[in-house]
Amino acid sequence: MPTTSAAWQHCRTDTPLGPLQLARTASGLCGAWFVEDQKHAPNPARFDPEHHSPTDPLLQMAAEQLAAYFDQRLHTFELPLDLGAGTPFQQAVWQALLTLPHGHLGSYGGLSQHLGKPSASRAVGAAVGRNPISIIVPCHRVLGSTGQLTGYAGGLWRKQALLKLEGHSLF
């Protein structure tokens, strides 16, 4: 969650994998969490009705880009992001996730190497699991060292569906 106590502007958007709760700060999109069965989601009290903003331009743009992604009309999201919710290490991992292009897969070890911390695979895995912006920051593209599906905060069935949508039929 962002480090400030300021309220987020937020709204929900429907996806084929269930509704997502979108949130933004003044700096950019700071969250996209599945409403159901999402690990590490913020307390629902953070989404107070006073700040429900379905007409917010950034939240609308995020919802439109997500719809285009699920319709396979969009492969690269172009949204201002606020990744300031995490520790410096988590933020570095989340930035590294943004380098994984649509249709490609990465590994925790590969991300560790990319970050110059080859022995930090477990810490990278923990940071990936805390990614607050599902789908848009593509943590679903990260597999275990032998190519196996590993945890996904939105549920493994969603990870499988996202990988299938991106052309991976191994799962």
N, C-alpha and C. Protein backbone atom coordinates (compact mmCIF):
# COMPACT_ATOMS: atom_id res chain seq x y z
N MET A 1 0.84 -1.18 0.00
CA MET A 1 0.00 0.00 0.00
C MET A 1 0.88 1.24 0.00
N PRO A 2 0.40 2.30 -0.60
CA PRO A 2 1.18 3.53 -0.56
C PRO A 2 1.49 3.94 0.86
N THR A 3 2.60 4.60 1.03
CA THR A 3 3.07 4.94 2.36
C THR A 3 2.30 6.09 2.99
N THR A 4 1.56 6.85 2.21
CA THR A 4 0.81 7.96 2.78
C THR A 4 -0.54 7.47 3.29
N SER A 5 -1.15 8.25 4.15
CA SER A 5 -2.46 7.88 4.67
C SER A 5 -3.58 8.50 3.85
N ALA A 6 -3.24 9.23 2.80
CA ALA A 6 -4.27 9.84 1.95
C ALA A 6 -5.13 8.76 1.32
N ALA A 7 -6.39 9.07 1.16
CA ALA A 7 -7.31 8.12 0.56
C ALA A 7 -7.02 7.96 -0.92
N TRP A 8 -7.27 6.77 -1.41
CA TRP A 8 -7.12 6.49 -2.83
C TRP A 8 -8.43 6.79 -3.54
N GLN A 9 -8.32 7.25 -4.76
CA GLN A 9 -9.46 7.23 -5.66
C GLN A 9 -9.53 5.79 -6.15
N HIS A 10 -10.72 5.26 -6.28
CA HIS A 10 -10.81 3.84 -6.62
C HIS A 10 -12.10 3.54 -7.36
N CYS A 11 -12.11 2.38 -8.01
CA CYS A 11 -13.32 1.85 -8.64
C CYS A 11 -13.09 0.37 -8.91
N ARG A 12 -14.13 -0.30 -9.29
CA ARG A 12 -14.03 -1.70 -9.70
C ARG A 12 -14.24 -1.79 -11.20
N THR A 13 -13.59 -2.79 -11.78
CA THR A 13 -13.82 -3.08 -13.19
C THR A 13 -13.95 -4.59 -13.34
N ASP A 14 -14.82 -5.00 -14.23
CA ASP A 14 -15.03 -6.42 -14.46
C ASP A 14 -13.99 -6.95 -15.45
N THR A 15 -13.55 -8.18 -15.20
CA THR A 15 -12.65 -8.88 -16.12
C THR A 15 -13.17 -10.31 -16.25
N PRO A 16 -12.71 -11.04 -17.26
CA PRO A 16 -13.11 -12.46 -17.38
C PRO A 16 -12.67 -13.31 -16.19
N LEU A 17 -11.72 -12.81 -15.38
CA LEU A 17 -11.22 -13.57 -14.24
C LEU A 17 -11.79 -13.08 -12.92
N GLY A 18 -12.79 -12.22 -13.00
CA GLY A 18 -13.41 -11.66 -11.81
C GLY A 18 -13.12 -10.18 -11.70
N PRO A 19 -13.90 -9.49 -10.87
CA PRO A 19 -13.70 -8.05 -10.76
C PRO A 19 -12.36 -7.68 -10.12
N LEU A 20 -11.82 -6.57 -10.60
CA LEU A 20 -10.59 -6.00 -10.05
C LEU A 20 -10.93 -4.69 -9.37
N GLN A 21 -10.32 -4.46 -8.23
CA GLN A 21 -10.41 -3.18 -7.54
C GLN A 21 -9.21 -2.36 -8.00
N LEU A 22 -9.44 -1.25 -8.65
CA LEU A 22 -8.37 -0.36 -9.11
C LEU A 22 -8.25 0.80 -8.14
N ALA A 23 -7.03 1.25 -7.92
CA ALA A 23 -6.80 2.40 -7.03
C ALA A 23 -5.69 3.26 -7.60
N ARG A 24 -5.79 4.54 -7.30
CA ARG A 24 -4.78 5.49 -7.77
C ARG A 24 -4.43 6.49 -6.69
N THR A 25 -3.23 7.01 -6.81
CA THR A 25 -2.79 8.13 -6.00
C THR A 25 -2.64 9.30 -6.97
N ALA A 26 -2.16 10.42 -6.48
CA ALA A 26 -1.90 11.56 -7.35
C ALA A 26 -0.79 11.25 -8.35
N SER A 27 0.05 10.26 -8.05
CA SER A 27 1.18 9.92 -8.92
C SER A 27 0.85 8.91 -10.00
N GLY A 28 -0.15 8.09 -9.79
CA GLY A 28 -0.48 7.07 -10.79
C GLY A 28 -1.26 5.92 -10.19
N LEU A 29 -1.47 4.92 -11.02
CA LEU A 29 -2.18 3.71 -10.60
C LEU A 29 -1.34 3.01 -9.55
N CYS A 30 -1.93 2.72 -8.40
CA CYS A 30 -1.16 2.09 -7.31
C CYS A 30 -1.68 0.71 -6.95
N GLY A 31 -2.79 0.30 -7.55
CA GLY A 31 -3.32 -1.01 -7.20
C GLY A 31 -4.30 -1.54 -8.22
N ALA A 32 -4.23 -2.86 -8.39
CA ALA A 32 -5.20 -3.62 -9.18
C ALA A 32 -5.26 -4.99 -8.51
N TRP A 33 -6.27 -5.17 -7.66
CA TRP A 33 -6.40 -6.40 -6.88
C TRP A 33 -7.69 -7.09 -7.24
N PHE A 34 -7.65 -8.42 -7.36
CA PHE A 34 -8.87 -9.16 -7.55
C PHE A 34 -9.72 -9.02 -6.29
N VAL A 35 -11.00 -8.81 -6.49
CA VAL A 35 -11.91 -8.58 -5.37
C VAL A 35 -12.06 -9.85 -4.54
N GLU A 36 -12.02 -11.00 -5.19
CA GLU A 36 -12.17 -12.28 -4.49
C GLU A 36 -10.87 -13.08 -4.56
N ASP A 37 -10.53 -13.71 -3.47
CA ASP A 37 -9.40 -14.65 -3.40
C ASP A 37 -8.07 -14.01 -3.77
N GLN A 38 -7.82 -12.80 -3.32
CA GLN A 38 -6.57 -12.10 -3.57
C GLN A 38 -5.77 -12.02 -2.27
N LYS A 39 -4.59 -12.61 -2.28
CA LYS A 39 -3.69 -12.48 -1.13
C LYS A 39 -3.10 -11.08 -1.12
N HIS A 40 -2.79 -10.59 0.03
CA HIS A 40 -2.10 -9.32 0.23
C HIS A 40 -2.89 -8.11 -0.27
N ALA A 41 -4.19 -8.24 -0.39
CA ALA A 41 -5.01 -7.09 -0.78
C ALA A 41 -5.16 -6.16 0.42
N PRO A 42 -5.34 -4.88 0.16
CA PRO A 42 -5.54 -3.96 1.26
C PRO A 42 -6.86 -4.21 1.97
N ASN A 43 -6.95 -3.72 3.17
CA ASN A 43 -8.19 -3.81 3.93
C ASN A 43 -9.30 -3.13 3.14
N PRO A 44 -10.45 -3.78 2.98
CA PRO A 44 -11.55 -3.16 2.22
C PRO A 44 -11.97 -1.79 2.74
N ALA A 45 -11.67 -1.49 3.99
CA ALA A 45 -12.00 -0.18 4.53
C ALA A 45 -11.25 0.95 3.82
N ARG A 46 -10.13 0.60 3.16
CA ARG A 46 -9.38 1.61 2.39
C ARG A 46 -10.21 2.16 1.24
N PHE A 47 -11.21 1.41 0.81
CA PHE A 47 -12.01 1.79 -0.35
C PHE A 47 -13.32 2.43 0.10
N ASP A 48 -13.22 3.58 0.75
CA ASP A 48 -14.39 4.23 1.29
C ASP A 48 -15.26 4.80 0.15
N PRO A 49 -16.56 4.80 0.34
CA PRO A 49 -17.48 5.27 -0.70
C PRO A 49 -17.23 6.71 -1.13
N GLU A 50 -16.73 7.54 -0.24
CA GLU A 50 -16.48 8.95 -0.57
C GLU A 50 -15.46 9.10 -1.70
N HIS A 51 -14.55 8.13 -1.84
CA HIS A 51 -13.50 8.22 -2.85
C HIS A 51 -13.73 7.24 -4.00
N HIS A 52 -14.93 6.70 -4.09
CA HIS A 52 -15.27 5.85 -5.24
C HIS A 52 -15.36 6.76 -6.46
N SER A 53 -14.52 6.51 -7.46
CA SER A 53 -14.39 7.44 -8.58
C SER A 53 -14.41 6.72 -9.93
N PRO A 54 -15.54 6.14 -10.31
CA PRO A 54 -15.57 5.41 -11.58
C PRO A 54 -15.37 6.30 -12.81
N THR A 55 -15.49 7.62 -12.65
CA THR A 55 -15.27 8.50 -13.79
C THR A 55 -13.88 9.14 -13.79
N ASP A 56 -13.03 8.75 -12.86
CA ASP A 56 -11.67 9.26 -12.83
C ASP A 56 -10.96 8.87 -14.13
N PRO A 57 -10.35 9.82 -14.84
CA PRO A 57 -9.74 9.51 -16.14
C PRO A 57 -8.68 8.40 -16.09
N LEU A 58 -7.82 8.40 -15.09
CA LEU A 58 -6.79 7.35 -15.03
C LEU A 58 -7.42 5.99 -14.75
N LEU A 59 -8.37 5.93 -13.84
CA LEU A 59 -9.03 4.66 -13.55
C LEU A 59 -9.80 4.17 -14.77
N GLN A 60 -10.44 5.07 -15.50
CA GLN A 60 -11.14 4.68 -16.73
C GLN A 60 -10.15 4.15 -17.76
N MET A 61 -9.02 4.82 -17.90
CA MET A 61 -8.00 4.39 -18.85
C MET A 61 -7.48 3.00 -18.48
N ALA A 62 -7.25 2.77 -17.19
CA ALA A 62 -6.78 1.45 -16.75
C ALA A 62 -7.83 0.38 -17.07
N ALA A 63 -9.09 0.67 -16.80
CA ALA A 63 -10.16 -0.29 -17.09
C ALA A 63 -10.25 -0.56 -18.59
N GLU A 64 -10.14 0.47 -19.40
CA GLU A 64 -10.20 0.30 -20.86
C GLU A 64 -9.01 -0.52 -21.36
N GLN A 65 -7.82 -0.25 -20.83
CA GLN A 65 -6.65 -1.01 -21.27
C GLN A 65 -6.73 -2.47 -20.81
N LEU A 66 -7.26 -2.70 -19.62
CA LEU A 66 -7.46 -4.09 -19.18
C LEU A 66 -8.45 -4.81 -20.08
N ALA A 67 -9.55 -4.15 -20.46
CA ALA A 67 -10.52 -4.77 -21.37
C ALA A 67 -9.85 -5.09 -22.70
N ALA A 68 -9.04 -4.19 -23.22
CA ALA A 68 -8.34 -4.42 -24.48
C ALA A 68 -7.34 -5.57 -24.35
N TYR A 69 -6.68 -5.67 -23.20
CA TYR A 69 -5.75 -6.78 -22.95
C TYR A 69 -6.50 -8.11 -23.00
N PHE A 70 -7.62 -8.19 -22.31
CA PHE A 70 -8.38 -9.44 -22.29
C PHE A 70 -8.99 -9.77 -23.64
N ASP A 71 -9.23 -8.75 -24.47
CA ASP A 71 -9.72 -8.97 -25.84
C ASP A 71 -8.57 -9.22 -26.81
N GLN A 72 -7.35 -9.27 -26.30
CA GLN A 72 -6.12 -9.49 -27.06
C GLN A 72 -5.87 -8.39 -28.10
N ARG A 73 -6.31 -7.18 -27.78
CA ARG A 73 -6.05 -6.03 -28.63
C ARG A 73 -4.92 -5.17 -28.08
N LEU A 74 -4.43 -5.49 -26.88
CA LEU A 74 -3.38 -4.70 -26.24
C LEU A 74 -2.38 -5.65 -25.59
N HIS A 75 -1.09 -5.40 -25.84
CA HIS A 75 -0.04 -6.22 -25.25
C HIS A 75 0.84 -5.45 -24.29
N THR A 76 0.82 -4.13 -24.38
CA THR A 76 1.65 -3.29 -23.52
C THR A 76 0.79 -2.20 -22.90
N PHE A 77 0.76 -2.16 -21.59
CA PHE A 77 -0.01 -1.14 -20.89
C PHE A 77 0.78 0.16 -20.89
N GLU A 78 0.07 1.25 -21.06
CA GLU A 78 0.69 2.57 -21.02
C GLU A 78 -0.09 3.42 -20.02
N LEU A 79 0.33 3.29 -18.76
CA LEU A 79 -0.34 3.98 -17.66
C LEU A 79 0.72 4.51 -16.70
N PRO A 80 0.51 5.68 -16.13
CA PRO A 80 1.41 6.11 -15.07
C PRO A 80 1.18 5.24 -13.84
N LEU A 81 2.26 4.74 -13.28
CA LEU A 81 2.18 3.84 -12.13
C LEU A 81 2.81 4.49 -10.90
N ASP A 82 2.26 4.17 -9.76
CA ASP A 82 2.83 4.57 -8.48
C ASP A 82 3.20 3.28 -7.76
N LEU A 83 4.48 2.92 -7.82
CA LEU A 83 4.97 1.70 -7.18
C LEU A 83 5.62 2.01 -5.83
N GLY A 84 5.31 3.17 -5.27
CA GLY A 84 5.93 3.61 -4.04
C GLY A 84 5.46 2.92 -2.78
N ALA A 85 4.58 1.93 -2.91
CA ALA A 85 4.05 1.26 -1.73
C ALA A 85 5.05 0.30 -1.09
N GLY A 86 6.01 -0.15 -1.85
CA GLY A 86 6.91 -1.16 -1.34
C GLY A 86 8.23 -0.62 -0.84
N THR A 87 9.02 -1.54 -0.33
CA THR A 87 10.39 -1.23 0.07
C THR A 87 11.19 -0.94 -1.19
N PRO A 88 12.37 -0.35 -1.06
CA PRO A 88 13.19 -0.14 -2.25
C PRO A 88 13.46 -1.44 -3.02
N PHE A 89 13.68 -2.54 -2.31
CA PHE A 89 13.92 -3.83 -2.99
C PHE A 89 12.66 -4.27 -3.74
N GLN A 90 11.49 -4.20 -3.10
CA GLN A 90 10.25 -4.57 -3.78
C GLN A 90 10.04 -3.71 -5.02
N GLN A 91 10.27 -2.42 -4.88
CA GLN A 91 10.09 -1.53 -6.02
C GLN A 91 11.02 -1.91 -7.17
N ALA A 92 12.25 -2.30 -6.86
CA ALA A 92 13.20 -2.73 -7.90
C ALA A 92 12.70 -4.00 -8.59
N VAL A 93 12.15 -4.92 -7.82
CA VAL A 93 11.60 -6.16 -8.40
C VAL A 93 10.41 -5.82 -9.29
N TRP A 94 9.51 -4.96 -8.82
CA TRP A 94 8.34 -4.61 -9.62
C TRP A 94 8.74 -3.89 -10.90
N GLN A 95 9.76 -3.06 -10.83
CA GLN A 95 10.27 -2.41 -12.05
C GLN A 95 10.84 -3.47 -13.00
N ALA A 96 11.54 -4.47 -12.45
CA ALA A 96 12.09 -5.53 -13.29
C ALA A 96 10.98 -6.33 -13.96
N LEU A 97 9.86 -6.53 -13.27
CA LEU A 97 8.73 -7.24 -13.87
C LEU A 97 8.23 -6.52 -15.12
N LEU A 98 8.31 -5.20 -15.10
CA LEU A 98 7.84 -4.42 -16.25
C LEU A 98 8.69 -4.64 -17.50
N THR A 99 9.87 -5.26 -17.35
CA THR A 99 10.72 -5.54 -18.51
C THR A 99 10.36 -6.87 -19.17
N LEU A 100 9.46 -7.66 -18.57
CA LEU A 100 9.05 -8.94 -19.15
C LEU A 100 7.96 -8.68 -20.18
N PRO A 101 8.28 -8.79 -21.47
CA PRO A 101 7.28 -8.47 -22.48
C PRO A 101 6.17 -9.52 -22.60
N HIS A 102 5.07 -9.08 -23.14
CA HIS A 102 3.93 -9.96 -23.42
C HIS A 102 4.43 -11.16 -24.21
N GLY A 103 3.98 -12.35 -23.82
CA GLY A 103 4.36 -13.57 -24.53
C GLY A 103 5.65 -14.19 -24.07
N HIS A 104 6.37 -13.55 -23.17
CA HIS A 104 7.64 -14.08 -22.67
C HIS A 104 7.50 -14.41 -21.19
N LEU A 105 8.33 -15.35 -20.77
CA LEU A 105 8.31 -15.78 -19.37
C LEU A 105 9.65 -15.49 -18.72
N GLY A 106 9.62 -15.31 -17.43
CA GLY A 106 10.83 -15.12 -16.66
C GLY A 106 10.85 -16.10 -15.50
N SER A 107 11.92 -16.04 -14.72
CA SER A 107 12.03 -16.88 -13.53
C SER A 107 12.49 -16.01 -12.37
N TYR A 108 12.29 -16.52 -11.18
CA TYR A 108 12.74 -15.80 -9.99
C TYR A 108 14.26 -15.66 -10.02
N GLY A 109 14.96 -16.73 -10.43
CA GLY A 109 16.41 -16.67 -10.54
C GLY A 109 16.86 -15.66 -11.58
N GLY A 110 16.15 -15.63 -12.71
CA GLY A 110 16.48 -14.66 -13.76
C GLY A 110 16.30 -13.23 -13.28
N LEU A 111 15.22 -12.99 -12.54
CA LEU A 111 15.02 -11.65 -11.98
C LEU A 111 16.12 -11.31 -10.97
N SER A 112 16.52 -12.30 -10.17
CA SER A 112 17.61 -12.08 -9.21
C SER A 112 18.89 -11.68 -9.93
N GLN A 113 19.20 -12.38 -11.01
CA GLN A 113 20.38 -12.05 -11.81
C GLN A 113 20.26 -10.64 -12.38
N HIS A 114 19.09 -10.33 -12.93
CA HIS A 114 18.84 -9.01 -13.52
C HIS A 114 19.07 -7.89 -12.51
N LEU A 115 18.72 -8.16 -11.26
CA LEU A 115 18.88 -7.16 -10.20
C LEU A 115 20.28 -7.13 -9.60
N GLY A 116 21.16 -8.04 -10.08
CA GLY A 116 22.51 -8.09 -9.54
C GLY A 116 22.58 -8.74 -8.18
N LYS A 117 21.58 -9.55 -7.84
CA LYS A 117 21.53 -10.23 -6.54
C LYS A 117 21.23 -11.72 -6.80
N PRO A 118 22.22 -12.44 -7.35
CA PRO A 118 21.97 -13.81 -7.79
C PRO A 118 21.51 -14.78 -6.71
N SER A 119 21.77 -14.48 -5.46
CA SER A 119 21.35 -15.40 -4.39
C SER A 119 20.03 -14.98 -3.75
N ALA A 120 19.33 -14.05 -4.34
CA ALA A 120 18.12 -13.49 -3.72
C ALA A 120 16.82 -14.01 -4.34
N SER A 121 16.84 -15.21 -4.92
CA SER A 121 15.64 -15.73 -5.59
C SER A 121 14.43 -15.78 -4.66
N ARG A 122 14.61 -16.20 -3.43
CA ARG A 122 13.48 -16.28 -2.50
C ARG A 122 12.95 -14.89 -2.16
N ALA A 123 13.84 -13.95 -1.94
CA ALA A 123 13.41 -12.58 -1.66
C ALA A 123 12.69 -11.99 -2.87
N VAL A 124 13.18 -12.29 -4.06
CA VAL A 124 12.51 -11.85 -5.28
C VAL A 124 11.12 -12.46 -5.34
N GLY A 125 11.02 -13.75 -5.04
CA GLY A 125 9.71 -14.41 -5.04
C GLY A 125 8.74 -13.75 -4.07
N ALA A 126 9.22 -13.40 -2.90
CA ALA A 126 8.35 -12.73 -1.92
C ALA A 126 7.91 -11.36 -2.43
N ALA A 127 8.82 -10.63 -3.07
CA ALA A 127 8.47 -9.32 -3.61
C ALA A 127 7.49 -9.45 -4.76
N VAL A 128 7.69 -10.43 -5.62
CA VAL A 128 6.76 -10.66 -6.73
C VAL A 128 5.37 -10.93 -6.17
N GLY A 129 5.29 -11.72 -5.11
CA GLY A 129 4.00 -12.05 -4.50
C GLY A 129 3.29 -10.84 -3.90
N ARG A 130 4.03 -9.80 -3.59
CA ARG A 130 3.44 -8.59 -3.01
C ARG A 130 3.14 -7.51 -4.05
N ASN A 131 3.31 -7.83 -5.32
CA ASN A 131 3.04 -6.87 -6.39
C ASN A 131 1.61 -6.34 -6.24
N PRO A 132 1.43 -5.03 -6.09
CA PRO A 132 0.09 -4.50 -5.88
C PRO A 132 -0.71 -4.24 -7.15
N ILE A 133 -0.08 -4.39 -8.31
CA ILE A 133 -0.78 -4.02 -9.56
C ILE A 133 -0.84 -5.24 -10.46
N SER A 134 -1.78 -6.14 -10.15
CA SER A 134 -1.94 -7.38 -10.90
C SER A 134 -2.11 -7.10 -12.39
N ILE A 135 -1.61 -8.01 -13.19
CA ILE A 135 -1.72 -8.04 -14.64
C ILE A 135 -0.88 -6.94 -15.29
N ILE A 136 -1.09 -5.69 -14.90
CA ILE A 136 -0.39 -4.56 -15.51
C ILE A 136 1.11 -4.61 -15.21
N VAL A 137 1.47 -4.93 -13.99
CA VAL A 137 2.85 -5.27 -13.63
C VAL A 137 2.85 -6.79 -13.65
N PRO A 138 3.40 -7.39 -14.70
CA PRO A 138 3.11 -8.79 -15.05
C PRO A 138 3.82 -9.85 -14.22
N CYS A 139 3.47 -9.95 -12.96
CA CYS A 139 4.06 -10.98 -12.11
C CYS A 139 3.62 -12.38 -12.52
N HIS A 140 2.52 -12.47 -13.27
CA HIS A 140 2.05 -13.79 -13.73
C HIS A 140 3.02 -14.42 -14.73
N ARG A 141 3.95 -13.66 -15.28
CA ARG A 141 4.90 -14.17 -16.27
C ARG A 141 6.13 -14.81 -15.63
N VAL A 142 6.15 -14.92 -14.31
CA VAL A 142 7.32 -15.47 -13.62
C VAL A 142 7.02 -16.89 -13.18
N LEU A 143 7.93 -17.80 -13.55
CA LEU A 143 7.80 -19.22 -13.22
C LEU A 143 8.96 -19.65 -12.32
N GLY A 144 8.82 -20.84 -11.77
CA GLY A 144 9.90 -21.41 -10.97
C GLY A 144 11.08 -21.79 -11.84
N SER A 145 12.15 -22.22 -11.21
CA SER A 145 13.42 -22.48 -11.92
C SER A 145 13.32 -23.57 -12.97
N THR A 146 12.41 -24.51 -12.78
CA THR A 146 12.27 -25.58 -13.78
C THR A 146 11.03 -25.37 -14.66
N GLY A 147 10.53 -24.15 -14.68
CA GLY A 147 9.39 -23.83 -15.53
C GLY A 147 8.04 -24.16 -14.92
N GLN A 148 8.02 -24.51 -13.64
CA GLN A 148 6.75 -24.88 -13.00
C GLN A 148 5.98 -23.64 -12.57
N LEU A 149 4.66 -23.80 -12.56
CA LEU A 149 3.82 -22.74 -12.01
C LEU A 149 4.07 -22.66 -10.52
N THR A 150 4.24 -21.47 -10.04
CA THR A 150 4.39 -21.27 -8.60
C THR A 150 3.31 -20.30 -8.17
N GLY A 151 3.33 -19.91 -6.95
CA GLY A 151 2.26 -19.08 -6.40
C GLY A 151 1.90 -17.85 -7.22
N TYR A 152 0.67 -17.44 -7.06
CA TYR A 152 0.16 -16.21 -7.66
C TYR A 152 -0.86 -15.67 -6.67
N ALA A 153 -0.69 -14.43 -6.26
CA ALA A 153 -1.55 -13.88 -5.22
C ALA A 153 -3.02 -13.87 -5.60
N GLY A 154 -3.32 -13.90 -6.88
CA GLY A 154 -4.70 -13.96 -7.35
C GLY A 154 -5.21 -15.37 -7.55
N GLY A 155 -4.39 -16.37 -7.28
CA GLY A 155 -4.76 -17.77 -7.45
C GLY A 155 -4.11 -18.37 -8.69
N LEU A 156 -3.62 -19.59 -8.56
CA LEU A 156 -2.93 -20.25 -9.68
C LEU A 156 -3.82 -20.39 -10.92
N TRP A 157 -5.12 -20.59 -10.71
CA TRP A 157 -6.00 -20.73 -11.87
C TRP A 157 -6.01 -19.44 -12.70
N ARG A 158 -5.89 -18.30 -12.04
CA ARG A 158 -5.83 -17.03 -12.78
C ARG A 158 -4.49 -16.90 -13.51
N LYS A 159 -3.42 -17.32 -12.85
CA LYS A 159 -2.10 -17.27 -13.50
C LYS A 159 -2.13 -18.13 -14.76
N GLN A 160 -2.69 -19.33 -14.65
CA GLN A 160 -2.80 -20.20 -15.82
C GLN A 160 -3.60 -19.53 -16.93
N ALA A 161 -4.72 -18.92 -16.58
CA ALA A 161 -5.57 -18.26 -17.57
C ALA A 161 -4.84 -17.10 -18.24
N LEU A 162 -4.09 -16.32 -17.47
CA LEU A 162 -3.35 -15.19 -18.04
C LEU A 162 -2.25 -15.68 -18.98
N LEU A 163 -1.56 -16.74 -18.59
CA LEU A 163 -0.51 -17.28 -19.45
C LEU A 163 -1.10 -17.87 -20.72
N LYS A 164 -2.23 -18.53 -20.61
CA LYS A 164 -2.91 -19.06 -21.79
C LYS A 164 -3.33 -17.92 -22.72
N LEU A 165 -3.87 -16.86 -22.15
CA LEU A 165 -4.26 -15.69 -22.94
C LEU A 165 -3.07 -15.13 -23.71
N GLU A 166 -1.89 -15.21 -23.11
CA GLU A 166 -0.68 -14.68 -23.75
C GLU A 166 0.02 -15.71 -24.64
N GLY A 167 -0.63 -16.84 -24.89
CA GLY A 167 -0.10 -17.79 -25.86
C GLY A 167 0.69 -18.94 -25.29
N HIS A 168 0.67 -19.15 -24.00
CA HIS A 168 1.40 -20.26 -23.39
C HIS A 168 0.43 -21.39 -23.10
N SER A 169 0.56 -22.49 -23.82
CA SER A 169 -0.40 -23.59 -23.66
C SER A 169 0.17 -24.74 -22.85
N LEU A 170 1.28 -24.52 -22.18
CA LEU A 170 1.92 -25.59 -21.40
C LEU A 170 1.20 -25.89 -20.11
N PHE A 171 0.28 -25.02 -19.71
CA PHE A 171 -0.28 -25.13 -18.37
C PHE A 171 -1.72 -25.56 -18.39
